[in-house]
Amino acid sequence: SYPLHPPRKPREARTAHFGALRTPAVFVHGTRDGFGTVVELDAARAGIPVATTLLVAEGAGHDLGRGARGRVRLTALAGQILDALRALLGEPAGRP
């Protein structure tokens, strides 16, 4: 999860450098992330001049579900992240 801004302070954006990014990236963002919404992240990604993709973690916070209750979700999410990265780079999904 990228901290777009401090919690409850959306005017303090941490995205000024996004226009200088030159590496394709997969963003993984929880729908309950206090550091920015999925909509805010989508808008910020528009300022990145290289390919990016967004993987939404439904119900996850900024930590994406670490802790006892989130371990199963994180294991499944790891595979989704890898597949999203492979797709972004033009490689086939699934195990090598």
Protein backbone atom coordinates (compact mmCIF):
# COMPACT_ATOMS: atom_id res chain seq x y z
CA SER A 1 0.00 0.00 0.00
CA TYR A 2 1.31 3.41 -0.89
CA PRO A 3 0.63 6.10 1.74
CA LEU A 4 -0.88 8.79 -0.50
CA HIS A 5 -1.30 11.16 2.43
CA PRO A 6 -1.42 11.03 6.24
CA PRO A 7 -4.70 9.61 7.59
CA ARG A 8 -7.50 12.20 7.45
CA LYS A 9 -5.19 14.73 5.72
CA PRO A 10 -5.82 14.30 1.98
CA ARG A 11 -4.40 17.76 1.20
CA GLU A 12 -0.92 16.59 2.30
CA ALA A 13 -0.28 14.48 -0.80
CA ARG A 14 2.87 12.38 -1.03
CA THR A 15 2.76 12.01 -4.79
CA ALA A 16 4.83 14.91 -6.17
CA HIS A 17 7.47 12.47 -7.45
CA PHE A 18 5.01 10.24 -9.36
CA GLY A 19 5.67 12.05 -12.66
CA ALA A 20 9.35 11.09 -12.42
CA LEU A 21 8.74 7.36 -11.95
CA ARG A 22 10.08 5.21 -14.79
CA THR A 23 9.54 1.67 -13.49
CA PRO A 24 6.28 -0.21 -14.12
CA ALA A 25 4.55 -0.88 -10.82
CA VAL A 26 1.76 -2.89 -9.26
CA PHE A 27 -0.09 -1.02 -6.54
CA VAL A 28 -1.94 -3.12 -3.98
CA HIS A 29 -4.44 -1.08 -2.00
CA GLY A 30 -6.94 -1.99 0.69
CA THR A 31 -10.45 -0.58 0.56
CA ARG A 32 -10.11 0.42 4.24
CA ASP A 33 -6.69 2.11 3.93
CA GLY A 34 -6.59 5.30 5.99
CA PHE A 35 -3.70 6.65 3.91
CA GLY A 36 -5.89 7.09 0.84
CA THR A 37 -8.84 5.64 -1.02
CA VAL A 38 -8.79 3.45 -4.10
CA VAL A 39 -10.23 6.40 -6.06
CA GLU A 40 -7.43 8.68 -4.83
CA LEU A 41 -4.80 6.10 -5.79
CA ASP A 42 -6.32 5.69 -9.24
CA ALA A 43 -6.14 9.46 -9.77
CA ALA A 44 -2.52 9.57 -8.56
CA ARG A 45 -1.54 6.67 -10.85
CA ALA A 46 -2.70 8.75 -13.82
CA GLY A 47 0.33 10.99 -13.23
CA ILE A 48 2.81 8.13 -13.62
CA PRO A 49 4.19 8.05 -17.18
CA VAL A 50 4.80 4.28 -17.25
CA ALA A 51 2.47 1.30 -17.02
CA THR A 52 0.92 0.63 -13.63
CA THR A 53 -1.85 -1.59 -12.43
CA LEU A 54 -3.99 -1.58 -9.32
CA LEU A 55 -4.96 -4.64 -7.34
CA VAL A 56 -7.71 -3.86 -4.82
CA ALA A 57 -7.70 -5.80 -1.54
CA GLU A 58 -11.34 -5.74 -0.49
CA GLY A 59 -11.80 -5.02 3.22
CA ALA A 60 -8.06 -4.62 3.90
CA GLY A 61 -6.45 -1.70 5.63
CA HIS A 62 -3.03 -0.18 5.02
CA ASP A 63 -1.30 -3.29 6.36
CA LEU A 64 -3.27 -5.43 3.86
CA GLY A 65 -4.39 -7.73 6.64
CA ARG A 66 -1.26 -8.70 8.51
CA GLY A 67 -1.92 -10.43 11.80
CA ALA A 68 -3.61 -13.63 12.80
CA ARG A 69 -6.90 -13.01 11.00
CA GLY A 70 -5.29 -11.77 7.79
CA ARG A 71 -2.69 -14.46 7.13
CA VAL A 72 -4.89 -16.55 4.85
CA ARG A 73 -5.92 -13.45 2.90
CA LEU A 74 -2.27 -12.43 2.51
CA THR A 75 -1.30 -15.84 1.15
CA ALA A 76 -4.01 -15.61 -1.51
CA LEU A 77 -3.16 -11.98 -2.18
CA ALA A 78 0.50 -12.84 -2.78
CA GLY A 79 -0.48 -15.04 -5.74
CA GLN A 80 -2.74 -12.31 -7.12
CA ILE A 81 0.08 -9.78 -6.83
CA LEU A 82 2.47 -12.06 -8.68
CA ASP A 83 -0.09 -12.65 -11.44
CA ALA A 84 -0.72 -8.88 -11.73
CA LEU A 85 3.01 -8.22 -12.00
CA ARG A 86 3.43 -10.89 -14.65
CA ALA A 87 0.52 -9.44 -16.64
CA LEU A 88 1.99 -5.94 -16.37
CA LEU A 89 5.30 -7.24 -17.70
CA GLY A 90 3.62 -9.26 -20.44
CA GLU A 91 4.40 -12.67 -18.99
CA PRO A 92 1.94 -15.57 -18.63
CA ALA A 93 0.15 -15.93 -15.30
CA GLY A 94 0.58 -18.92 -13.04
CA ARG A 95 3.58 -20.73 -11.68
CA PRO A 96 6.81 -20.81 -13.72
